[in-house]
């Protein structure tokens, strides 16, 4: 058995979840898993441009990104903006599915589900598809036809999907998959504070947060700051 995990580099969360799922498939279920970024298959330069544009907007024009988010979130997800976002990778996905025999597809990036729906509409055979929502808000790009099951981060998300017409049997509350290294912070006798700034370090208040934490030194609390990358 082999799983195809579709992810993207626009935001580190999608990529990290894909990596976590691959480890789970391989180490716990003895199932081969392959991570694919359709934008990279389509055109690496276009992928790099989109990634750079995303980082630039989040750092310098977050309101512009917010406007884009709101416009593409309207309706049922099948608007002109989402259609254009879904163009890259369609033929590459067809080649992937023709080349290898996958038992299932796991989607960790919202727009890919629409690509899969379009292939099914055209009569192309597609294995069962599962969506792992890696956000705490359900943008319309996450909702697609013929998805076998949605794995969501919270009960609130489950009820939101249910109100949008999905049956309860197609929604599972699992939380967002995390790397096993984060389990180290579950121990009761540990006192670490994890400050997450995203893979691109775009959270502008990260340094201010660290300075506030450092100010507690000498009050019975020892602070040790360490920058860690989990891919």
Protein backbone atom coordinates (compact mmCIF):
# COMPACT_ATOMS: atom_id res chain seq x y z
CA UNK A 1 0.00 0.00 0.00
CA UNK A 2 1.16 3.51 -0.81
CA UNK A 3 -0.23 6.91 0.11
CA UNK A 4 0.17 10.08 -1.94
CA UNK A 5 0.42 13.15 0.30
CA UNK A 6 -0.20 16.44 -1.52
CA UNK A 7 1.32 19.49 0.14
CA UNK A 8 2.79 22.90 -0.70
CA UNK A 9 5.45 25.28 0.60
CA UNK A 10 3.10 28.26 1.03
CA UNK A 11 3.21 28.33 4.81
CA UNK A 12 5.26 25.85 6.79
CA UNK A 13 2.26 24.24 8.50
CA UNK A 14 1.11 22.37 5.39
CA UNK A 15 4.61 21.03 4.79
CA UNK A 16 5.15 20.07 8.43
CA UNK A 17 1.83 18.20 8.63
CA UNK A 18 2.68 16.32 5.44
CA UNK A 19 6.06 15.31 6.90
CA UNK A 20 4.37 14.18 10.13
CA UNK A 21 1.81 12.08 8.26
CA UNK A 22 4.56 10.43 6.23
CA UNK A 23 6.32 9.41 9.44
CA UNK A 24 3.06 8.08 10.89
CA UNK A 25 2.27 6.05 7.77
CA UNK A 26 5.74 4.56 7.58
CA UNK A 27 6.53 3.90 11.26
CA UNK A 28 3.11 3.02 12.65
CA UNK A 29 1.29 1.48 9.69
CA UNK A 30 4.27 0.18 7.66
CA UNK A 31 2.80 1.95 4.65
CA UNK A 32 4.87 3.72 2.02
CA UNK A 33 4.10 7.41 1.63
CA UNK A 34 5.22 10.00 -0.93
CA UNK A 35 4.98 13.78 -0.45
CA UNK A 36 4.42 15.79 -3.62
CA UNK A 37 4.19 19.54 -4.19
CA UNK A 38 2.18 19.92 -7.40
CA UNK A 39 3.30 23.52 -7.84
CA UNK A 40 6.92 22.38 -7.88
CA UNK A 41 6.13 19.71 -10.46
CA UNK A 42 4.29 22.25 -12.58
CA UNK A 43 7.04 24.86 -12.56
CA UNK A 44 9.64 25.40 -9.85
CA UNK A 45 10.14 29.07 -10.74
CA UNK A 46 6.41 29.75 -10.48
CA UNK A 47 6.37 27.97 -7.11
CA UNK A 48 9.30 30.10 -5.89
CA UNK A 49 7.52 33.26 -7.12
CA UNK A 50 4.29 32.35 -5.29
CA UNK A 51 6.23 31.51 -2.13
CA UNK A 52 8.15 34.80 -2.23
CA UNK A 53 4.95 36.74 -2.90
CA UNK A 54 3.24 35.04 0.04
CA UNK A 55 6.11 35.85 2.42
CA UNK A 56 6.33 39.45 1.15
CA UNK A 57 2.60 40.06 1.62
CA UNK A 58 2.57 38.54 5.10
CA UNK A 59 5.54 40.64 6.18
CA UNK A 60 4.80 43.97 4.50
CA UNK A 61 1.14 43.98 3.40
CA UNK A 62 -0.82 41.64 5.67
CA UNK A 63 -4.02 43.57 4.93
CA UNK A 64 -3.59 42.83 1.23
CA UNK A 65 -3.29 39.15 2.03
CA UNK A 66 -6.34 39.46 4.29
CA UNK A 67 -8.32 40.97 1.40
CA UNK A 68 -7.23 38.15 -0.90
CA UNK A 69 -8.22 35.64 1.77
CA UNK A 70 -11.68 37.16 2.16
CA UNK A 71 -12.35 37.32 -1.59
CA UNK A 72 -11.35 33.72 -2.20
CA UNK A 73 -13.32 32.56 0.86
CA UNK A 74 -16.66 33.66 -0.56
CA UNK A 75 -19.19 31.18 -1.85
CA UNK A 76 -18.59 27.46 -2.08
CA UNK A 77 -14.96 27.61 -3.16
CA UNK A 78 -15.60 27.38 -6.92
CA UNK A 79 -14.93 30.99 -7.93
CA UNK A 80 -12.59 32.40 -10.57
CA UNK A 81 -9.73 32.98 -8.12
CA UNK A 82 -9.78 29.41 -6.85
CA UNK A 83 -10.11 28.14 -10.42
CA UNK A 84 -6.90 29.95 -11.40
CA UNK A 85 -5.12 28.68 -8.28
CA UNK A 86 -6.07 25.14 -9.20
CA UNK A 87 -4.77 25.23 -12.78
CA UNK A 88 -1.15 24.32 -11.93
CA UNK A 89 -0.47 20.66 -11.41
CA UNK A 90 -3.55 19.07 -12.96
CA UNK A 91 -1.68 17.24 -15.70
CA UNK A 92 1.18 16.44 -13.34
CA UNK A 93 -1.26 14.83 -10.92
CA UNK A 94 -2.70 12.75 -13.78
CA UNK A 95 0.80 11.55 -14.67
CA UNK A 96 1.51 10.69 -11.03
CA UNK A 97 -1.66 8.62 -10.73
CA UNK A 98 -0.97 6.88 -14.04
CA UNK A 99 2.64 6.13 -13.11
CA UNK A 100 2.07 4.66 -9.66
CA UNK A 101 -0.68 2.76 -7.89
CA UNK A 102 -1.71 4.73 -4.81
CA UNK A 103 -4.10 3.36 -2.21
CA UNK A 104 -5.24 6.83 -1.18
CA UNK A 105 -4.56 10.54 -1.50
CA UNK A 106 -4.11 12.74 1.58
CA UNK A 107 -4.46 16.49 1.01
CA UNK A 108 -2.81 18.97 3.39
CA UNK A 109 -3.11 22.05 1.15
CA UNK A 110 -6.60 23.44 0.43
CA UNK A 111 -6.70 24.00 -3.33
CA UNK A 112 -5.59 20.50 -4.33
CA UNK A 113 -8.96 19.00 -3.50
CA UNK A 114 -10.49 21.02 -6.31
CA UNK A 115 -7.94 19.61 -8.77
CA UNK A 116 -8.94 16.10 -7.70
CA UNK A 117 -12.66 16.93 -8.06
CA UNK A 118 -12.07 18.19 -11.59
CA UNK A 119 -10.25 14.99 -12.52
CA UNK A 120 -13.14 12.92 -11.20
CA UNK A 121 -15.62 15.07 -13.16
CA UNK A 122 -13.66 14.23 -16.30
CA UNK A 123 -13.90 10.51 -15.56
CA UNK A 124 -10.28 10.07 -14.51
CA UNK A 125 -9.88 7.31 -11.89
CA UNK A 126 -8.80 8.77 -8.55
CA UNK A 127 -8.22 6.77 -5.33
CA UNK A 128 -10.09 7.65 -2.13
CA UNK A 129 -9.20 11.16 -0.98
CA UNK A 130 -8.82 12.41 2.58
CA UNK A 131 -8.36 16.04 3.65
CA UNK A 132 -6.37 17.05 6.73
CA UNK A 133 -7.28 20.66 7.53
CA UNK A 134 -4.13 22.39 8.77
CA UNK A 135 -5.82 25.67 9.72
CA UNK A 136 -8.04 26.63 12.64
CA UNK A 137 -10.40 28.44 10.24
CA UNK A 138 -12.11 26.56 7.40
CA UNK A 139 -11.52 28.58 4.23
CA UNK A 140 -13.82 27.62 1.35
CA UNK A 141 -10.85 26.23 -0.57
CA UNK A 142 -10.83 23.27 1.82
CA UNK A 143 -14.31 22.11 0.77
CA UNK A 144 -14.49 19.80 -2.23
CA UNK A 145 -16.75 17.11 -3.58
CA UNK A 146 -16.09 13.40 -3.18
CA UNK A 147 -13.80 13.72 -0.16
CA UNK A 148 -14.04 10.48 1.84
CA UNK A 149 -13.25 12.10 5.20
CA UNK A 150 -12.12 15.40 6.71
CA UNK A 151 -9.72 15.37 9.66
CA UNK A 152 -10.18 18.62 11.58
CA UNK A 153 -8.36 20.32 14.47
CA UNK A 154 -11.29 21.02 16.83
CA UNK A 155 -14.90 20.36 17.78
CA UNK A 156 -15.75 23.89 16.63
CA UNK A 157 -14.43 23.04 13.18
CA UNK A 158 -16.44 19.82 13.13
CA UNK A 159 -19.67 21.69 13.81
CA UNK A 160 -18.77 24.33 11.24
CA UNK A 161 -18.35 21.65 8.56
CA UNK A 162 -21.55 19.96 9.69
CA UNK A 163 -23.46 23.24 9.27
CA UNK A 164 -22.07 23.48 5.76
CA UNK A 165 -23.77 20.22 4.87
CA UNK A 166 -21.15 17.54 5.53
CA UNK A 167 -22.39 14.42 7.27
CA UNK A 168 -20.93 13.68 10.69
CA UNK A 169 -19.46 10.37 9.54
CA UNK A 170 -17.21 12.26 7.11
CA UNK A 171 -15.68 14.46 9.85
CA UNK A 172 -13.12 13.27 12.41
CA UNK A 173 -11.68 15.49 15.15
CA UNK A 174 -7.99 14.58 15.43
CA UNK A 175 -6.22 17.87 16.07
CA UNK A 176 -3.48 19.08 13.77
CA UNK A 177 -0.81 16.36 13.37
CA UNK A 178 2.45 17.39 15.03
CA UNK A 179 6.00 16.13 14.89
CA UNK A 180 6.81 13.51 17.58
CA UNK A 181 9.49 15.84 18.98
CA UNK A 182 6.74 18.06 20.38
CA UNK A 183 5.65 15.21 22.65
CA UNK A 184 8.68 16.08 24.78
CA UNK A 185 6.74 19.11 25.99
CA UNK A 186 3.83 17.03 27.29
CA UNK A 187 5.71 15.80 30.36
CA UNK A 188 4.28 17.21 33.58
CA UNK A 189 7.68 17.98 35.09
CA UNK A 190 8.81 20.22 32.24
CA UNK A 191 8.57 24.00 32.33
CA UNK A 192 9.44 25.01 28.77
CA UNK A 193 7.47 27.60 26.84
CA UNK A 194 7.29 27.08 23.09
CA UNK A 195 7.09 30.23 20.98
CA UNK A 196 6.17 29.41 17.39
CA UNK A 197 6.93 32.02 14.74
CA UNK A 198 6.25 29.95 11.65
CA UNK A 199 8.73 28.46 9.24
CA UNK A 200 9.49 31.86 7.66
CA UNK A 201 9.75 33.70 10.98
CA UNK A 202 7.05 36.14 9.91
CA UNK A 203 5.47 36.71 13.33
CA UNK A 204 6.51 40.34 13.99
CA UNK A 205 6.11 40.16 17.78
CA UNK A 206 8.35 37.13 18.31
CA UNK A 207 11.31 39.11 19.64
CA UNK A 208 9.06 41.17 21.90
CA UNK A 209 7.58 37.96 23.33
CA UNK A 210 11.07 36.60 23.98
CA UNK A 211 12.10 39.85 25.72
CA UNK A 212 9.06 39.65 28.00
CA UNK A 213 9.93 36.06 28.87
CA UNK A 214 13.53 37.04 29.60
CA UNK A 215 12.28 39.73 31.99
CA UNK A 216 11.02 36.97 34.33
CA UNK A 217 14.55 35.76 35.00
CA UNK A 218 15.54 36.17 38.62
CA UNK A 219 11.95 35.68 39.82
CA UNK A 220 12.30 31.98 40.40
CA UNK A 221 12.03 31.25 36.68
CA UNK A 222 14.99 30.31 34.51
CA UNK A 223 14.67 31.29 30.86
CA UNK A 224 16.67 29.64 28.09
CA UNK A 225 15.95 30.74 24.54
CA UNK A 226 16.70 28.30 21.74
CA UNK A 227 15.85 28.53 18.05
CA UNK A 228 14.73 25.17 16.69
CA UNK A 229 13.62 24.13 13.21
CA UNK A 230 11.35 21.10 12.74
CA UNK A 231 10.96 20.11 9.10
